[in-house]
Amino acid sequence: MNEGADVRAGLEYGADDYITKPLNADVIISRVEAVIKRTVYERNLLFQAMNDPLTGIYNRNFFFKRAAEELARAVRTDSNIALAMLDIDRFKNVNDRFGHQAGDFILKAFT
């Protein structure tokens, strides 16, 4: 098998990357750096998808994902779950009257 065929076969079997012999330190370092950058980028995307950008606390997406997991676990193990909700009454009035900066300050104080 030639090098190109080896690379194609490796990628077809699920490899994300492929380094051929003889090993080259510069190539290895470059590939490792690329993997690290991609991993950091993916973790940041996941954080942004599951957390509020202002407060950093979990958002609605995370809540529904986690709630579904916990409900499935409760059904599977024949157990109960509990949910506590916190609502800031008339919070819209704070934003309307004092501005979003004041509302943001209050939200941060609750976290």
N, C-alpha and C. Protein backbone atom coordinates (compact mmCIF):
# COMPACT_ATOMS: atom_id res chain seq x y z
N MET A 1 0.85 -1.17 0.00
CA MET A 1 0.00 0.00 0.00
C MET A 1 0.90 1.25 0.00
N ASN A 2 0.53 2.27 -0.74
CA ASN A 2 1.35 3.49 -0.75
C ASN A 2 0.88 4.43 0.35
N GLU A 3 1.68 5.49 0.56
CA GLU A 3 1.39 6.43 1.66
C GLU A 3 0.02 7.08 1.53
N GLY A 4 -0.35 7.51 0.32
CA GLY A 4 -1.65 8.13 0.10
C GLY A 4 -2.79 7.19 0.43
N ALA A 5 -2.65 5.94 0.03
CA ALA A 5 -3.68 4.94 0.32
C ALA A 5 -3.77 4.68 1.82
N ASP A 6 -2.61 4.66 2.49
CA ASP A 6 -2.61 4.47 3.95
C ASP A 6 -3.36 5.60 4.65
N VAL A 7 -3.10 6.83 4.22
CA VAL A 7 -3.76 7.99 4.81
C VAL A 7 -5.26 7.89 4.58
N ARG A 8 -5.68 7.61 3.36
CA ARG A 8 -7.12 7.48 3.06
C ARG A 8 -7.76 6.39 3.90
N ALA A 9 -7.09 5.26 4.00
CA ALA A 9 -7.65 4.15 4.78
C ALA A 9 -7.79 4.54 6.25
N GLY A 10 -6.77 5.21 6.80
CA GLY A 10 -6.84 5.64 8.19
C GLY A 10 -7.98 6.59 8.43
N LEU A 11 -8.16 7.55 7.51
CA LEU A 11 -9.25 8.51 7.65
C LEU A 11 -10.61 7.84 7.50
N GLU A 12 -10.70 6.86 6.60
CA GLU A 12 -11.96 6.13 6.42
C GLU A 12 -12.33 5.33 7.67
N TYR A 13 -11.30 4.88 8.40
CA TYR A 13 -11.56 4.11 9.62
C TYR A 13 -11.81 5.01 10.83
N GLY A 14 -11.85 6.33 10.61
CA GLY A 14 -12.24 7.23 11.68
C GLY A 14 -11.13 8.10 12.25
N ALA A 15 -9.94 8.05 11.70
CA ALA A 15 -8.87 8.92 12.20
C ALA A 15 -9.20 10.37 11.89
N ASP A 16 -8.87 11.26 12.80
CA ASP A 16 -9.05 12.69 12.57
C ASP A 16 -7.85 13.27 11.84
N ASP A 17 -6.72 12.65 12.00
CA ASP A 17 -5.49 13.13 11.40
C ASP A 17 -4.60 11.92 11.18
N TYR A 18 -3.55 12.12 10.44
CA TYR A 18 -2.69 11.00 10.11
C TYR A 18 -1.28 11.53 9.92
N ILE A 19 -0.32 10.95 10.63
CA ILE A 19 1.08 11.33 10.48
C ILE A 19 1.83 10.11 9.98
N THR A 20 2.55 10.30 8.90
CA THR A 20 3.27 9.16 8.30
C THR A 20 4.70 9.12 8.81
N LYS A 21 5.31 7.95 8.67
CA LYS A 21 6.72 7.77 9.02
C LYS A 21 7.56 8.14 7.81
N PRO A 22 8.74 8.61 7.96
CA PRO A 22 9.43 8.86 9.23
C PRO A 22 8.83 10.08 9.92
N LEU A 23 8.81 10.02 11.24
CA LEU A 23 8.21 11.09 12.02
C LEU A 23 9.05 12.36 11.94
N ASN A 24 8.36 13.47 11.87
CA ASN A 24 9.01 14.77 11.79
C ASN A 24 8.51 15.59 12.98
N ALA A 25 9.44 16.04 13.83
CA ALA A 25 9.07 16.76 15.07
C ALA A 25 8.23 18.00 14.76
N ASP A 26 8.57 18.74 13.72
CA ASP A 26 7.81 19.95 13.39
C ASP A 26 6.37 19.60 13.02
N VAL A 27 6.18 18.53 12.28
CA VAL A 27 4.84 18.10 11.89
C VAL A 27 4.04 17.67 13.13
N ILE A 28 4.68 16.92 14.00
CA ILE A 28 4.00 16.45 15.22
C ILE A 28 3.58 17.64 16.08
N ILE A 29 4.49 18.58 16.29
CA ILE A 29 4.18 19.76 17.11
C ILE A 29 3.04 20.54 16.47
N SER A 30 3.08 20.72 15.18
CA SER A 30 2.02 21.46 14.48
C SER A 30 0.68 20.78 14.63
N ARG A 31 0.65 19.46 14.49
CA ARG A 31 -0.61 18.72 14.62
C ARG A 31 -1.14 18.77 16.03
N VAL A 32 -0.26 18.63 17.03
CA VAL A 32 -0.69 18.68 18.43
C VAL A 32 -1.25 20.07 18.75
N GLU A 33 -0.58 21.12 18.28
CA GLU A 33 -1.08 22.48 18.49
C GLU A 33 -2.46 22.66 17.86
N ALA A 34 -2.65 22.11 16.67
CA ALA A 34 -3.93 22.22 15.99
C ALA A 34 -5.03 21.51 16.78
N VAL A 35 -4.72 20.35 17.32
CA VAL A 35 -5.70 19.60 18.12
C VAL A 35 -6.04 20.39 19.39
N ILE A 36 -5.05 20.97 20.02
CA ILE A 36 -5.29 21.76 21.23
C ILE A 36 -6.17 22.96 20.91
N LYS A 37 -5.86 23.68 19.84
CA LYS A 37 -6.67 24.84 19.45
C LYS A 37 -8.11 24.43 19.15
N ARG A 38 -8.29 23.32 18.44
CA ARG A 38 -9.64 22.85 18.11
C ARG A 38 -10.40 22.45 19.38
N THR A 39 -9.72 21.80 20.31
CA THR A 39 -10.35 21.39 21.56
C THR A 39 -10.79 22.60 22.38
N VAL A 40 -9.94 23.61 22.48
CA VAL A 40 -10.28 24.83 23.20
C VAL A 40 -11.46 25.52 22.53
N TYR A 41 -11.44 25.60 21.21
CA TYR A 41 -12.54 26.21 20.45
C TYR A 41 -13.85 25.47 20.70
N GLU A 42 -13.82 24.13 20.65
CA GLU A 42 -15.03 23.34 20.87
C GLU A 42 -15.56 23.51 22.28
N ARG A 43 -14.66 23.57 23.26
CA ARG A 43 -15.10 23.77 24.65
C ARG A 43 -15.73 25.14 24.84
N ASN A 44 -15.15 26.15 24.19
CA ASN A 44 -15.72 27.49 24.26
C ASN A 44 -17.11 27.54 23.63
N LEU A 45 -17.26 26.86 22.48
CA LEU A 45 -18.57 26.81 21.84
C LEU A 45 -19.60 26.14 22.74
N LEU A 46 -19.21 25.04 23.35
CA LEU A 46 -20.12 24.33 24.25
C LEU A 46 -20.50 25.21 25.44
N PHE A 47 -19.52 25.92 25.99
CA PHE A 47 -19.81 26.82 27.11
C PHE A 47 -20.80 27.89 26.68
N GLN A 48 -20.57 28.47 25.50
CA GLN A 48 -21.47 29.51 25.01
C GLN A 48 -22.87 28.97 24.74
N ALA A 49 -22.95 27.72 24.31
CA ALA A 49 -24.26 27.13 24.01
C ALA A 49 -25.04 26.81 25.28
N MET A 50 -24.34 26.56 26.39
CA MET A 50 -25.00 26.11 27.61
C MET A 50 -24.99 27.11 28.75
N ASN A 51 -24.39 28.28 28.55
CA ASN A 51 -24.28 29.26 29.63
C ASN A 51 -24.73 30.64 29.18
N ASP A 52 -25.25 31.40 30.13
CA ASP A 52 -25.64 32.78 29.87
C ASP A 52 -24.39 33.62 29.69
N PRO A 53 -24.32 34.44 28.63
CA PRO A 53 -23.10 35.22 28.40
C PRO A 53 -22.85 36.30 29.46
N LEU A 54 -23.90 36.80 30.10
CA LEU A 54 -23.74 37.86 31.10
C LEU A 54 -23.27 37.30 32.43
N THR A 55 -23.98 36.29 32.93
CA THR A 55 -23.72 35.79 34.28
C THR A 55 -22.82 34.56 34.30
N GLY A 56 -22.76 33.84 33.19
CA GLY A 56 -21.98 32.61 33.16
C GLY A 56 -22.72 31.41 33.74
N ILE A 57 -23.93 31.63 34.27
CA ILE A 57 -24.68 30.50 34.83
C ILE A 57 -25.35 29.72 33.70
N TYR A 58 -25.74 28.51 34.01
CA TYR A 58 -26.37 27.66 33.01
C TYR A 58 -27.62 28.32 32.43
N ASN A 59 -27.87 28.08 31.15
CA ASN A 59 -29.02 28.69 30.48
C ASN A 59 -30.12 27.67 30.21
N ARG A 60 -31.11 28.09 29.48
CA ARG A 60 -32.27 27.26 29.16
C ARG A 60 -31.87 25.98 28.41
N ASN A 61 -30.92 26.09 27.47
CA ASN A 61 -30.47 24.90 26.73
C ASN A 61 -29.93 23.85 27.69
N PHE A 62 -29.10 24.28 28.63
CA PHE A 62 -28.56 23.35 29.60
C PHE A 62 -29.66 22.76 30.47
N PHE A 63 -30.59 23.63 30.91
CA PHE A 63 -31.68 23.17 31.76
C PHE A 63 -32.46 22.04 31.09
N PHE A 64 -32.88 22.24 29.84
CA PHE A 64 -33.69 21.23 29.17
C PHE A 64 -32.89 19.94 28.91
N LYS A 65 -31.62 20.08 28.58
CA LYS A 65 -30.77 18.90 28.38
C LYS A 65 -30.65 18.12 29.69
N ARG A 66 -30.34 18.84 30.76
CA ARG A 66 -30.15 18.18 32.06
C ARG A 66 -31.46 17.62 32.59
N ALA A 67 -32.55 18.35 32.41
CA ALA A 67 -33.85 17.87 32.87
C ALA A 67 -34.23 16.56 32.18
N ALA A 68 -33.99 16.49 30.88
CA ALA A 68 -34.29 15.26 30.15
C ALA A 68 -33.44 14.09 30.66
N GLU A 69 -32.17 14.35 30.92
CA GLU A 69 -31.29 13.31 31.46
C GLU A 69 -31.78 12.83 32.82
N GLU A 70 -32.14 13.77 33.69
CA GLU A 70 -32.59 13.40 35.04
C GLU A 70 -33.94 12.69 35.02
N LEU A 71 -34.85 13.12 34.15
CA LEU A 71 -36.13 12.42 34.02
C LEU A 71 -35.92 10.99 33.54
N ALA A 72 -35.04 10.81 32.57
CA ALA A 72 -34.75 9.47 32.06
C ALA A 72 -34.14 8.60 33.17
N ARG A 73 -33.23 9.19 33.95
CA ARG A 73 -32.63 8.44 35.06
C ARG A 73 -33.69 8.07 36.10
N ALA A 74 -34.59 8.99 36.40
CA ALA A 74 -35.64 8.72 37.39
C ALA A 74 -36.55 7.59 36.92
N VAL A 75 -36.89 7.60 35.64
CA VAL A 75 -37.73 6.53 35.10
C VAL A 75 -36.97 5.21 35.15
N ARG A 76 -35.71 5.24 34.74
CA ARG A 76 -34.88 4.02 34.68
C ARG A 76 -34.68 3.41 36.07
N THR A 77 -34.51 4.26 37.09
CA THR A 77 -34.23 3.77 38.44
C THR A 77 -35.45 3.79 39.35
N ASP A 78 -36.61 4.13 38.76
CA ASP A 78 -37.86 4.20 39.52
C ASP A 78 -37.69 5.08 40.76
N SER A 79 -37.16 6.29 40.54
CA SER A 79 -36.96 7.21 41.65
C SER A 79 -37.62 8.55 41.33
N ASN A 80 -37.58 9.45 42.29
CA ASN A 80 -38.20 10.76 42.14
C ASN A 80 -37.14 11.83 41.91
N ILE A 81 -37.58 12.96 41.37
CA ILE A 81 -36.70 14.11 41.25
C ILE A 81 -37.47 15.34 41.75
N ALA A 82 -36.73 16.38 42.09
CA ALA A 82 -37.34 17.64 42.54
C ALA A 82 -36.74 18.78 41.73
N LEU A 83 -37.52 19.83 41.58
CA LEU A 83 -37.08 21.01 40.84
C LEU A 83 -37.43 22.25 41.65
N ALA A 84 -36.47 23.12 41.84
CA ALA A 84 -36.72 24.40 42.51
C ALA A 84 -36.53 25.51 41.48
N MET A 85 -37.48 26.42 41.43
CA MET A 85 -37.43 27.53 40.48
C MET A 85 -37.31 28.83 41.25
N LEU A 86 -36.54 29.76 40.71
CA LEU A 86 -36.43 31.09 41.28
C LEU A 86 -36.89 32.07 40.22
N ASP A 87 -37.84 32.89 40.57
CA ASP A 87 -38.36 33.88 39.64
C ASP A 87 -38.23 35.25 40.29
N ILE A 88 -37.73 36.21 39.56
CA ILE A 88 -37.64 37.57 40.07
C ILE A 88 -38.88 38.30 39.58
N ASP A 89 -39.82 38.52 40.49
CA ASP A 89 -41.09 39.14 40.13
C ASP A 89 -40.89 40.51 39.49
N ARG A 90 -41.64 40.75 38.45
CA ARG A 90 -41.67 42.04 37.74
C ARG A 90 -40.27 42.53 37.34
N PHE A 91 -39.42 41.60 36.98
CA PHE A 91 -38.05 41.96 36.59
C PHE A 91 -38.05 42.87 35.35
N LYS A 92 -39.00 42.64 34.46
CA LYS A 92 -39.11 43.48 33.26
C LYS A 92 -39.27 44.95 33.65
N ASN A 93 -39.99 45.20 34.74
CA ASN A 93 -40.17 46.58 35.20
C ASN A 93 -38.84 47.23 35.59
N VAL A 94 -37.93 46.44 36.16
CA VAL A 94 -36.61 46.97 36.52
C VAL A 94 -35.88 47.42 35.26
N ASN A 95 -35.87 46.55 34.25
CA ASN A 95 -35.22 46.91 32.99
C ASN A 95 -35.87 48.12 32.34
N ASP A 96 -37.20 48.14 32.34
CA ASP A 96 -37.91 49.26 31.70
C ASP A 96 -37.69 50.58 32.43
N ARG A 97 -37.69 50.54 33.74
CA ARG A 97 -37.60 51.78 34.51
C ARG A 97 -36.16 52.27 34.71
N PHE A 98 -35.25 51.31 34.99
CA PHE A 98 -33.88 51.71 35.34
C PHE A 98 -32.85 51.37 34.26
N GLY A 99 -33.28 50.67 33.24
CA GLY A 99 -32.37 50.32 32.15
C GLY A 99 -31.77 48.93 32.32
N HIS A 100 -31.27 48.42 31.21
CA HIS A 100 -30.72 47.06 31.20
C HIS A 100 -29.46 46.93 32.04
N GLN A 101 -28.72 48.01 32.18
CA GLN A 101 -27.51 47.95 33.00
C GLN A 101 -27.87 47.65 34.45
N ALA A 102 -28.94 48.27 34.95
CA ALA A 102 -29.41 47.99 36.32
C ALA A 102 -29.92 46.56 36.42
N GLY A 103 -30.65 46.13 35.39
CA GLY A 103 -31.15 44.75 35.38
C GLY A 103 -30.01 43.74 35.38
N ASP A 104 -28.96 44.03 34.59
CA ASP A 104 -27.79 43.15 34.55
C ASP A 104 -27.12 43.08 35.92
N PHE A 105 -27.03 44.23 36.59
CA PHE A 105 -26.43 44.27 37.92
C PHE A 105 -27.21 43.37 38.88
N ILE A 106 -28.52 43.44 38.83
CA ILE A 106 -29.35 42.61 39.71
C ILE A 106 -29.18 41.13 39.38
N LEU A 107 -29.17 40.80 38.10
CA LEU A 107 -28.99 39.40 37.71
C LEU A 107 -27.65 38.86 38.23
N LYS A 108 -26.61 39.66 38.11
CA LYS A 108 -25.30 39.22 38.60
C LYS A 108 -25.31 39.05 40.10
N ALA A 109 -26.08 39.89 40.81
CA ALA A 109 -26.15 39.77 42.27
C ALA A 109 -26.84 38.48 42.69
N PHE A 110 -27.74 37.97 41.88
CA PHE A 110 -28.46 36.73 42.20
C PHE A 110 -27.64 35.48 41.92
N THR A 111 -26.54 35.61 41.19
CA THR A 111 -25.76 34.41 40.82
C THR A 111 -24.68 34.10 41.81
